[in-house]
Amino acid sequence: MMKDGWSARKVARQLGRSDCVVRRCWDHWSREMLFTRRPGSVCPRQTSDRDDLRIVRNARVQPTASLAALQTQVAPSLGAPMSSRTIRRHLSEEH
């Protein structure tokens, strides 16, 4: 409604809310839209889907293993060093 040029007062009357609530919601929405990521602004993934599955499989086989232990098991098969933070992120994406 506000995108269409309606005033906050008119929107508030239409919704049965106060002007302050409508303005606060509009400001919050405007701020959030400014900070959303644009396509292509994220670093490209360094692991393939197969690598991700290998990480998850190792974690499921040994559910009590630490991230450091998973890191030492997975790193040789990936052919590149991988941080424990990356492993944690991949595991959280799978759940």
N, C-alpha and C. Protein backbone atom coordinates (compact mmCIF):
# COMPACT_ATOMS: atom_id res chain seq x y z
N MET A 1 0.82 -1.19 0.00
CA MET A 1 0.00 0.00 0.00
C MET A 1 0.86 1.26 0.00
N MET A 2 1.91 1.23 0.83
CA MET A 2 2.77 2.41 0.88
C MET A 2 3.59 2.51 -0.40
N LYS A 3 3.87 1.37 -1.02
CA LYS A 3 4.57 1.41 -2.31
C LYS A 3 3.70 2.09 -3.36
N ASP A 4 2.40 1.95 -3.21
CA ASP A 4 1.46 2.55 -4.16
C ASP A 4 1.23 4.03 -3.91
N GLY A 5 1.92 4.59 -2.91
CA GLY A 5 1.81 6.01 -2.64
C GLY A 5 0.85 6.38 -1.52
N TRP A 6 0.30 5.41 -0.83
CA TRP A 6 -0.59 5.71 0.28
C TRP A 6 0.22 6.28 1.44
N SER A 7 -0.36 7.15 2.19
CA SER A 7 0.30 7.68 3.39
C SER A 7 0.20 6.65 4.51
N ALA A 8 1.07 6.81 5.50
CA ALA A 8 1.03 5.90 6.65
C ALA A 8 -0.31 6.02 7.38
N ARG A 9 -0.85 7.22 7.42
CA ARG A 9 -2.14 7.42 8.09
C ARG A 9 -3.26 6.66 7.37
N LYS A 10 -3.25 6.71 6.04
CA LYS A 10 -4.28 6.02 5.27
C LYS A 10 -4.17 4.50 5.42
N VAL A 11 -2.93 4.00 5.39
CA VAL A 11 -2.70 2.57 5.58
C VAL A 11 -3.15 2.15 6.97
N ALA A 12 -2.82 2.97 7.97
CA ALA A 12 -3.20 2.66 9.35
C ALA A 12 -4.72 2.57 9.50
N ARG A 13 -5.42 3.50 8.91
CA ARG A 13 -6.89 3.46 8.97
C ARG A 13 -7.44 2.21 8.28
N GLN A 14 -6.86 1.89 7.14
CA GLN A 14 -7.32 0.73 6.38
C GLN A 14 -7.12 -0.57 7.17
N LEU A 15 -5.99 -0.66 7.89
CA LEU A 15 -5.66 -1.87 8.63
C LEU A 15 -6.17 -1.87 10.07
N GLY A 16 -6.64 -0.72 10.52
CA GLY A 16 -7.10 -0.62 11.90
C GLY A 16 -5.97 -0.60 12.90
N ARG A 17 -4.85 -0.02 12.52
CA ARG A 17 -3.67 0.09 13.39
C ARG A 17 -3.30 1.55 13.55
N SER A 18 -2.36 1.80 14.47
CA SER A 18 -1.94 3.19 14.68
C SER A 18 -0.92 3.60 13.62
N ASP A 19 -0.79 4.91 13.44
CA ASP A 19 0.18 5.44 12.48
C ASP A 19 1.59 5.01 12.84
N CYS A 20 1.89 5.04 14.15
CA CYS A 20 3.25 4.70 14.60
C CYS A 20 3.62 3.26 14.24
N VAL A 21 2.68 2.35 14.42
CA VAL A 21 2.95 0.95 14.10
C VAL A 21 3.22 0.79 12.61
N VAL A 22 2.43 1.43 11.79
CA VAL A 22 2.61 1.33 10.34
C VAL A 22 3.95 1.93 9.94
N ARG A 23 4.30 3.08 10.48
CA ARG A 23 5.59 3.71 10.14
C ARG A 23 6.76 2.84 10.59
N ARG A 24 6.65 2.29 11.81
CA ARG A 24 7.74 1.45 12.33
C ARG A 24 7.91 0.20 11.47
N CYS A 25 6.81 -0.43 11.09
CA CYS A 25 6.89 -1.61 10.22
C CYS A 25 7.47 -1.25 8.86
N TRP A 26 7.05 -0.13 8.32
CA TRP A 26 7.56 0.31 7.02
C TRP A 26 9.05 0.61 7.09
N ASP A 27 9.48 1.30 8.15
CA ASP A 27 10.91 1.60 8.31
C ASP A 27 11.72 0.31 8.45
N HIS A 28 11.20 -0.62 9.25
CA HIS A 28 11.91 -1.89 9.43
C HIS A 28 12.02 -2.62 8.09
N TRP A 29 10.94 -2.69 7.34
CA TRP A 29 10.96 -3.36 6.05
C TRP A 29 11.94 -2.67 5.10
N SER A 30 11.92 -1.34 5.10
CA SER A 30 12.82 -0.60 4.21
C SER A 30 14.28 -0.87 4.55
N ARG A 31 14.59 -0.90 5.85
CA ARG A 31 15.97 -1.17 6.27
C ARG A 31 16.39 -2.58 5.89
N GLU A 32 15.53 -3.55 6.13
CA GLU A 32 15.87 -4.94 5.83
C GLU A 32 16.09 -5.14 4.34
N MET A 33 15.32 -4.48 3.53
CA MET A 33 15.46 -4.65 2.09
C MET A 33 16.79 -4.07 1.60
N LEU A 34 17.31 -3.08 2.28
CA LEU A 34 18.57 -2.49 1.87
C LEU A 34 19.75 -3.41 2.16
N PHE A 35 19.60 -4.29 3.18
CA PHE A 35 20.72 -5.11 3.59
C PHE A 35 20.63 -6.55 3.10
N THR A 36 19.71 -6.83 2.21
CA THR A 36 19.65 -8.19 1.67
C THR A 36 20.79 -8.37 0.68
N ARG A 37 21.26 -9.59 0.58
CA ARG A 37 22.37 -9.87 -0.33
C ARG A 37 21.89 -9.89 -1.77
N ARG A 38 22.71 -9.37 -2.62
CA ARG A 38 22.40 -9.39 -4.04
C ARG A 38 22.95 -10.69 -4.65
N PRO A 39 22.34 -11.17 -5.72
CA PRO A 39 22.85 -12.39 -6.35
C PRO A 39 24.30 -12.21 -6.77
N GLY A 40 25.11 -13.20 -6.49
CA GLY A 40 26.51 -13.15 -6.85
C GLY A 40 27.40 -12.49 -5.81
N SER A 41 26.83 -12.02 -4.70
CA SER A 41 27.65 -11.36 -3.69
C SER A 41 28.25 -12.35 -2.69
N VAL A 42 27.85 -13.61 -2.78
CA VAL A 42 28.34 -14.63 -1.87
C VAL A 42 29.52 -15.34 -2.52
N CYS A 43 30.51 -15.72 -1.72
CA CYS A 43 31.66 -16.44 -2.25
C CYS A 43 31.20 -17.78 -2.83
N PRO A 44 31.79 -18.20 -3.92
CA PRO A 44 31.41 -19.49 -4.49
C PRO A 44 31.81 -20.64 -3.57
N ARG A 45 31.05 -21.72 -3.60
CA ARG A 45 31.33 -22.87 -2.75
C ARG A 45 32.62 -23.56 -3.22
N GLN A 46 33.40 -24.01 -2.26
CA GLN A 46 34.65 -24.69 -2.58
C GLN A 46 34.48 -26.21 -2.61
N THR A 47 33.34 -26.70 -2.13
CA THR A 47 33.11 -28.14 -2.12
C THR A 47 31.94 -28.48 -3.04
N SER A 48 32.01 -29.67 -3.60
CA SER A 48 30.92 -30.13 -4.47
C SER A 48 29.85 -30.81 -3.62
N ASP A 49 28.75 -31.16 -4.25
CA ASP A 49 27.69 -31.88 -3.54
C ASP A 49 28.20 -33.23 -3.04
N ARG A 50 29.04 -33.86 -3.82
CA ARG A 50 29.61 -35.15 -3.42
C ARG A 50 30.48 -34.99 -2.18
N ASP A 51 31.28 -33.93 -2.13
CA ASP A 51 32.10 -33.66 -0.95
C ASP A 51 31.22 -33.42 0.28
N ASP A 52 30.14 -32.68 0.09
CA ASP A 52 29.22 -32.41 1.20
C ASP A 52 28.62 -33.71 1.72
N LEU A 53 28.23 -34.60 0.81
CA LEU A 53 27.67 -35.88 1.23
C LEU A 53 28.70 -36.72 1.98
N ARG A 54 29.95 -36.64 1.56
CA ARG A 54 31.02 -37.38 2.25
C ARG A 54 31.18 -36.87 3.68
N ILE A 55 31.11 -35.57 3.86
CA ILE A 55 31.22 -34.99 5.20
C ILE A 55 30.06 -35.47 6.08
N VAL A 56 28.86 -35.40 5.56
CA VAL A 56 27.68 -35.81 6.33
C VAL A 56 27.73 -37.30 6.63
N ARG A 57 28.15 -38.10 5.65
CA ARG A 57 28.24 -39.55 5.86
C ARG A 57 29.21 -39.87 6.99
N ASN A 58 30.37 -39.23 7.00
CA ASN A 58 31.34 -39.47 8.07
C ASN A 58 30.78 -39.06 9.42
N ALA A 59 30.04 -37.98 9.46
CA ALA A 59 29.46 -37.53 10.72
C ALA A 59 28.38 -38.49 11.21
N ARG A 60 27.64 -39.08 10.30
CA ARG A 60 26.59 -40.02 10.71
C ARG A 60 27.16 -41.36 11.15
N VAL A 61 28.27 -41.77 10.54
CA VAL A 61 28.91 -43.02 10.93
C VAL A 61 29.49 -42.90 12.33
N GLN A 62 30.06 -41.73 12.63
CA GLN A 62 30.66 -41.49 13.95
C GLN A 62 29.99 -40.26 14.57
N PRO A 63 28.81 -40.41 15.14
CA PRO A 63 28.07 -39.25 15.65
C PRO A 63 28.72 -38.55 16.84
N THR A 64 29.62 -39.23 17.54
CA THR A 64 30.26 -38.59 18.70
C THR A 64 31.62 -37.99 18.36
N ALA A 65 32.05 -38.09 17.11
CA ALA A 65 33.35 -37.55 16.71
C ALA A 65 33.34 -36.03 16.75
N SER A 66 34.46 -35.46 17.13
CA SER A 66 34.58 -34.00 17.16
C SER A 66 34.75 -33.46 15.75
N LEU A 67 34.61 -32.15 15.62
CA LEU A 67 34.81 -31.53 14.31
C LEU A 67 36.25 -31.71 13.84
N ALA A 68 37.19 -31.64 14.78
CA ALA A 68 38.60 -31.82 14.42
C ALA A 68 38.84 -33.23 13.89
N ALA A 69 38.21 -34.23 14.51
CA ALA A 69 38.36 -35.60 14.04
C ALA A 69 37.76 -35.76 12.64
N LEU A 70 36.58 -35.18 12.44
CA LEU A 70 35.97 -35.22 11.10
C LEU A 70 36.85 -34.52 10.08
N GLN A 71 37.46 -33.43 10.52
CA GLN A 71 38.33 -32.66 9.63
C GLN A 71 39.51 -33.51 9.16
N THR A 72 40.14 -34.24 10.07
CA THR A 72 41.29 -35.07 9.68
C THR A 72 40.86 -36.25 8.82
N GLN A 73 39.65 -36.74 9.00
CA GLN A 73 39.18 -37.86 8.18
C GLN A 73 38.80 -37.42 6.77
N VAL A 74 38.22 -36.26 6.65
CA VAL A 74 37.66 -35.82 5.38
C VAL A 74 38.70 -35.11 4.51
N ALA A 75 39.63 -34.41 5.10
CA ALA A 75 40.58 -33.58 4.35
C ALA A 75 41.37 -34.37 3.29
N PRO A 76 41.91 -35.55 3.59
CA PRO A 76 42.67 -36.26 2.54
C PRO A 76 41.82 -36.63 1.32
N SER A 77 40.58 -36.99 1.54
CA SER A 77 39.74 -37.38 0.41
C SER A 77 39.30 -36.18 -0.42
N LEU A 78 39.28 -34.99 0.19
CA LEU A 78 38.89 -33.79 -0.55
C LEU A 78 40.04 -33.21 -1.35
N GLY A 79 41.26 -33.50 -0.92
CA GLY A 79 42.42 -32.99 -1.64
C GLY A 79 42.75 -31.55 -1.32
N ALA A 80 42.09 -30.98 -0.33
CA ALA A 80 42.36 -29.60 0.07
C ALA A 80 42.04 -29.46 1.55
N PRO A 81 42.73 -28.56 2.23
CA PRO A 81 42.43 -28.37 3.65
C PRO A 81 41.04 -27.77 3.83
N MET A 82 40.38 -28.17 4.90
CA MET A 82 39.05 -27.67 5.18
C MET A 82 38.96 -27.35 6.67
N SER A 83 38.44 -26.20 6.99
CA SER A 83 38.35 -25.80 8.40
C SER A 83 37.20 -26.51 9.09
N SER A 84 37.28 -26.57 10.41
CA SER A 84 36.19 -27.18 11.17
C SER A 84 34.93 -26.34 11.07
N ARG A 85 35.08 -25.05 10.87
CA ARG A 85 33.91 -24.18 10.69
C ARG A 85 33.15 -24.54 9.41
N THR A 86 33.89 -24.85 8.35
CA THR A 86 33.25 -25.26 7.11
C THR A 86 32.49 -26.56 7.30
N ILE A 87 33.09 -27.49 8.02
CA ILE A 87 32.42 -28.76 8.29
C ILE A 87 31.16 -28.52 9.11
N ARG A 88 31.25 -27.67 10.12
CA ARG A 88 30.08 -27.36 10.95
C ARG A 88 28.97 -26.75 10.09
N ARG A 89 29.34 -25.85 9.18
CA ARG A 89 28.35 -25.22 8.32
C ARG A 89 27.68 -26.25 7.40
N HIS A 90 28.46 -27.17 6.85
CA HIS A 90 27.89 -28.19 5.97
C HIS A 90 26.95 -29.11 6.75
N LEU A 91 27.31 -29.43 7.98
CA LEU A 91 26.45 -30.29 8.79
C LEU A 91 25.16 -29.58 9.16
N SER A 92 25.24 -28.29 9.44
CA SER A 92 24.02 -27.56 9.81
C SER A 92 23.11 -27.37 8.59
N GLU A 93 23.66 -27.31 7.40
CA GLU A 93 22.85 -27.19 6.19
C GLU A 93 22.08 -28.48 5.93
N GLU A 94 22.64 -29.59 6.33
CA GLU A 94 22.01 -30.88 6.05
C GLU A 94 20.86 -31.19 7.00
N HIS A 95 20.82 -30.52 8.16
CA HIS A 95 19.76 -30.85 9.14
C HIS A 95 18.63 -29.94 9.01
